[in-house]
Amino acid sequence: MVRFLQRRLGEFTVAAGVGVATSAAAVGTAWAAISAFGVAGTGTAISTLSGAAAYSAAMAALGGVGVMTGGAAVVAFGAGFAAWKFLGGNKNDPKRILKQLEAKLYS
């Protein structure tokens, strides 16, 4: 497993970077949209609030800290995995994987 990761470290690094950038963009976009168009629980537009009130209202409108971090993690994983598969090309051919596993089993 270590050799596999060492050979594909560049691809893994790019995939991780893509995941982080994508999740940051998704969270930033959601935050901007809620801040611009959202309404607080009191009926006040979030865009008219400032400071802690604006922060609390935006977080509540987005579902709280748990939902935000969980959503960001799912987006990061999905984008990172897609980038990993894209960079890997056709290296994950099932026949090739079985042949490699068979070689490792009998060596």
C-alpha atoms as a PDB file:
ATOM      1  CA  MET A   1       0.000   0.000   0.000  1.00  0.00           C
ATOM      2  CA  VAL A   2       2.842   2.376   0.837  1.00  0.00           C
ATOM      3  CA  ARG A   3       4.505   1.778  -2.537  1.00  0.00           C
ATOM      4  CA  PHE A   4       1.202   2.393  -4.279  1.00  0.00           C
ATOM      5  CA  LEU A   5       0.795   5.745  -2.506  1.00  0.00           C
ATOM      6  CA  GLN A   6       4.399   6.710  -3.193  1.00  0.00           C
ATOM      7  CA  ARG A   7       3.933   6.074  -6.916  1.00  0.00           C
ATOM      8  CA  ARG A   8       0.725   8.102  -7.044  1.00  0.00           C
ATOM      9  CA  LEU A   9       1.620  10.824  -4.548  1.00  0.00           C
ATOM     10  CA  GLY A  10       1.417  13.572  -7.169  1.00  0.00           C
ATOM     11  CA  GLU A  11      -2.056  12.497  -8.226  1.00  0.00           C
ATOM     12  CA  PHE A  12      -3.145  12.260  -4.598  1.00  0.00           C
ATOM     13  CA  THR A  13      -1.820  15.754  -3.853  1.00  0.00           C
ATOM     14  CA  VAL A  14      -3.662  17.244  -6.824  1.00  0.00           C
ATOM     15  CA  ALA A  15      -6.866  15.394  -5.902  1.00  0.00           C
ATOM     16  CA  ALA A  16      -6.661  16.657  -2.309  1.00  0.00           C
ATOM     17  CA  GLY A  17      -6.092  20.208  -3.542  1.00  0.00           C
ATOM     18  CA  VAL A  18      -9.057  19.970  -5.898  1.00  0.00           C
ATOM     19  CA  GLY A  19     -11.242  18.679  -3.068  1.00  0.00           C
ATOM     20  CA  VAL A  20     -10.250  21.462  -0.696  1.00  0.00           C
ATOM     21  CA  ALA A  21     -10.672  24.170  -3.326  1.00  0.00           C
ATOM     22  CA  THR A  22     -14.061  22.831  -4.411  1.00  0.00           C
ATOM     23  CA  SER A  23     -15.412  22.572  -0.881  1.00  0.00           C
ATOM     24  CA  ALA A  24     -14.146  26.059  -0.032  1.00  0.00           C
ATOM     25  CA  ALA A  25     -15.851  27.425  -3.140  1.00  0.00           C
ATOM     26  CA  ALA A  26     -19.101  25.614  -2.313  1.00  0.00           C
ATOM     27  CA  VAL A  27     -19.157  26.887   1.271  1.00  0.00           C
ATOM     28  CA  GLY A  28     -18.238  30.403   0.159  1.00  0.00           C
ATOM     29  CA  THR A  29     -20.942  30.432  -2.486  1.00  0.00           C
ATOM     30  CA  ALA A  30     -23.581  29.151  -0.064  1.00  0.00           C
ATOM     31  CA  TRP A  31     -22.500  31.694   2.561  1.00  0.00           C
ATOM     32  CA  ALA A  32     -22.635  34.569   0.049  1.00  0.00           C
ATOM     33  CA  ALA A  33     -26.057  33.521  -1.250  1.00  0.00           C
ATOM     34  CA  ILE A  34     -27.537  33.197   2.239  1.00  0.00           C
ATOM     35  CA  SER A  35     -25.978  36.479   3.339  1.00  0.00           C
ATOM     36  CA  ALA A  36     -27.369  38.284   0.308  1.00  0.00           C
ATOM     37  CA  PHE A  37     -30.815  36.712   0.012  1.00  0.00           C
ATOM     38  CA  GLY A  38     -31.500  34.931   3.316  1.00  0.00           C
ATOM     39  CA  VAL A  39     -33.887  35.928   6.061  1.00  0.00           C
ATOM     40  CA  ALA A  40     -33.168  35.501   9.763  1.00  0.00           C
ATOM     41  CA  GLY A  41     -35.605  33.738  12.080  1.00  0.00           C
ATOM     42  CA  THR A  42     -36.870  37.150  13.195  1.00  0.00           C
ATOM     43  CA  GLY A  43     -37.912  38.027   9.644  1.00  0.00           C
ATOM     44  CA  THR A  44     -35.048  40.476   9.149  1.00  0.00           C
ATOM     45  CA  ALA A  45     -32.975  40.198   5.967  1.00  0.00           C
ATOM     46  CA  ILE A  46     -29.525  38.833   6.826  1.00  0.00           C
ATOM     47  CA  SER A  47     -27.939  41.406   4.504  1.00  0.00           C
ATOM     48  CA  THR A  48     -29.105  44.181   6.861  1.00  0.00           C
ATOM     49  CA  LEU A  49     -27.511  42.558   9.934  1.00  0.00           C
ATOM     50  CA  SER A  50     -23.901  42.963  10.983  1.00  0.00           C
ATOM     51  CA  GLY A  51     -21.369  41.337  13.277  1.00  0.00           C
ATOM     52  CA  ALA A  52     -22.382  38.401  15.455  1.00  0.00           C
ATOM     53  CA  ALA A  53     -26.044  38.735  14.514  1.00  0.00           C
ATOM     54  CA  ALA A  54     -25.262  38.309  10.809  1.00  0.00           C
ATOM     55  CA  TYR A  55     -22.924  35.391  11.521  1.00  0.00           C
ATOM     56  CA  SER A  56     -25.441  33.607  13.738  1.00  0.00           C
ATOM     57  CA  ALA A  57     -28.310  34.150  11.304  1.00  0.00           C
ATOM     58  CA  ALA A  58     -26.266  32.911   8.335  1.00  0.00           C
ATOM     59  CA  MET A  59     -25.106  29.816  10.238  1.00  0.00           C
ATOM     60  CA  ALA A  60     -28.656  29.053  11.345  1.00  0.00           C
ATOM     61  CA  ALA A  61     -29.958  29.488   7.788  1.00  0.00           C
ATOM     62  CA  LEU A  62     -27.309  27.074   6.501  1.00  0.00           C
ATOM     63  CA  GLY A  63     -28.170  24.463   9.103  1.00  0.00           C
ATOM     64  CA  GLY A  64     -25.512  25.047  11.728  1.00  0.00           C
ATOM     65  CA  VAL A  65     -21.856  24.161  12.084  1.00  0.00           C
ATOM     66  CA  GLY A  66     -22.379  20.404  11.829  1.00  0.00           C
ATOM     67  CA  VAL A  67     -24.267  20.605   8.555  1.00  0.00           C
ATOM     68  CA  MET A  68     -21.742  23.052   7.104  1.00  0.00           C
ATOM     69  CA  THR A  69     -18.697  20.951   7.972  1.00  0.00           C
ATOM     70  CA  GLY A  70     -20.381  17.714   6.936  1.00  0.00           C
ATOM     71  CA  GLY A  71     -21.484  19.193   3.631  1.00  0.00           C
ATOM     72  CA  ALA A  72     -18.017  20.592   2.991  1.00  0.00           C
ATOM     73  CA  ALA A  73     -16.474  17.191   3.730  1.00  0.00           C
ATOM     74  CA  VAL A  74     -18.828  15.424   1.320  1.00  0.00           C
ATOM     75  CA  VAL A  75     -18.110  17.955  -1.427  1.00  0.00           C
ATOM     76  CA  ALA A  76     -14.350  17.712  -0.804  1.00  0.00           C
ATOM     77  CA  PHE A  77     -14.406  13.912  -0.925  1.00  0.00           C
ATOM     78  CA  GLY A  78     -16.518  13.802  -4.073  1.00  0.00           C
ATOM     79  CA  ALA A  79     -14.425  16.330  -5.960  1.00  0.00           C
ATOM     80  CA  GLY A  80     -11.161  14.805  -4.763  1.00  0.00           C
ATOM     81  CA  PHE A  81     -12.249  11.303  -5.742  1.00  0.00           C
ATOM     82  CA  ALA A  82     -13.385  12.506  -9.166  1.00  0.00           C
ATOM     83  CA  ALA A  83     -10.022  14.224  -9.707  1.00  0.00           C
ATOM     84  CA  TRP A  84      -8.178  11.080  -8.531  1.00  0.00           C
ATOM     85  CA  LYS A  85     -10.108   8.917 -11.005  1.00  0.00           C
ATOM     86  CA  PHE A  86      -9.591  11.434 -13.811  1.00  0.00           C
ATOM     87  CA  LEU A  87      -5.837  11.626 -13.223  1.00  0.00           C
ATOM     88  CA  GLY A  88      -5.547   7.863 -12.889  1.00  0.00           C
ATOM     89  CA  GLY A  89      -6.904   7.229 -16.361  1.00  0.00           C
ATOM     90  CA  ASN A  90      -7.702   3.586 -17.043  1.00  0.00           C
ATOM     91  CA  LYS A  91      -5.360   2.276 -14.363  1.00  0.00           C
ATOM     92  CA  ASN A  92      -8.264   0.722 -12.474  1.00  0.00           C
ATOM     93  CA  ASP A  93      -9.147  -1.887 -15.048  1.00  0.00           C
ATOM     94  CA  PRO A  94     -10.685  -4.771 -13.056  1.00  0.00           C
ATOM     95  CA  LYS A  95      -8.674  -7.418 -14.918  1.00  0.00           C
ATOM     96  CA  ARG A  96      -5.432  -5.612 -14.207  1.00  0.00           C
ATOM     97  CA  ILE A  97      -6.290  -5.226 -10.525  1.00  0.00           C
ATOM     98  CA  LEU A  98      -7.132  -8.928 -10.217  1.00  0.00           C
ATOM     99  CA  LYS A  99      -3.889  -9.860 -11.938  1.00  0.00           C
ATOM    100  CA  GLN A 100      -1.918  -7.658  -9.507  1.00  0.00           C
ATOM    101  CA  LEU A 101      -3.709  -9.134  -6.492  1.00  0.00           C
ATOM    102  CA  GLU A 102      -3.079 -12.652  -7.746  1.00  0.00           C
ATOM    103  CA  ALA A 103       0.609 -11.880  -8.227  1.00  0.00           C
ATOM    104  CA  LYS A 104       0.843 -10.515  -4.666  1.00  0.00           C
ATOM    105  CA  LEU A 105      -0.987 -13.504  -3.216  1.00  0.00           C
ATOM    106  CA  TYR A 106       1.366 -16.043  -4.753  1.00  0.00           C
ATOM    107  CA  SER A 107       4.636 -14.153  -4.295  1.00  0.00           C
END
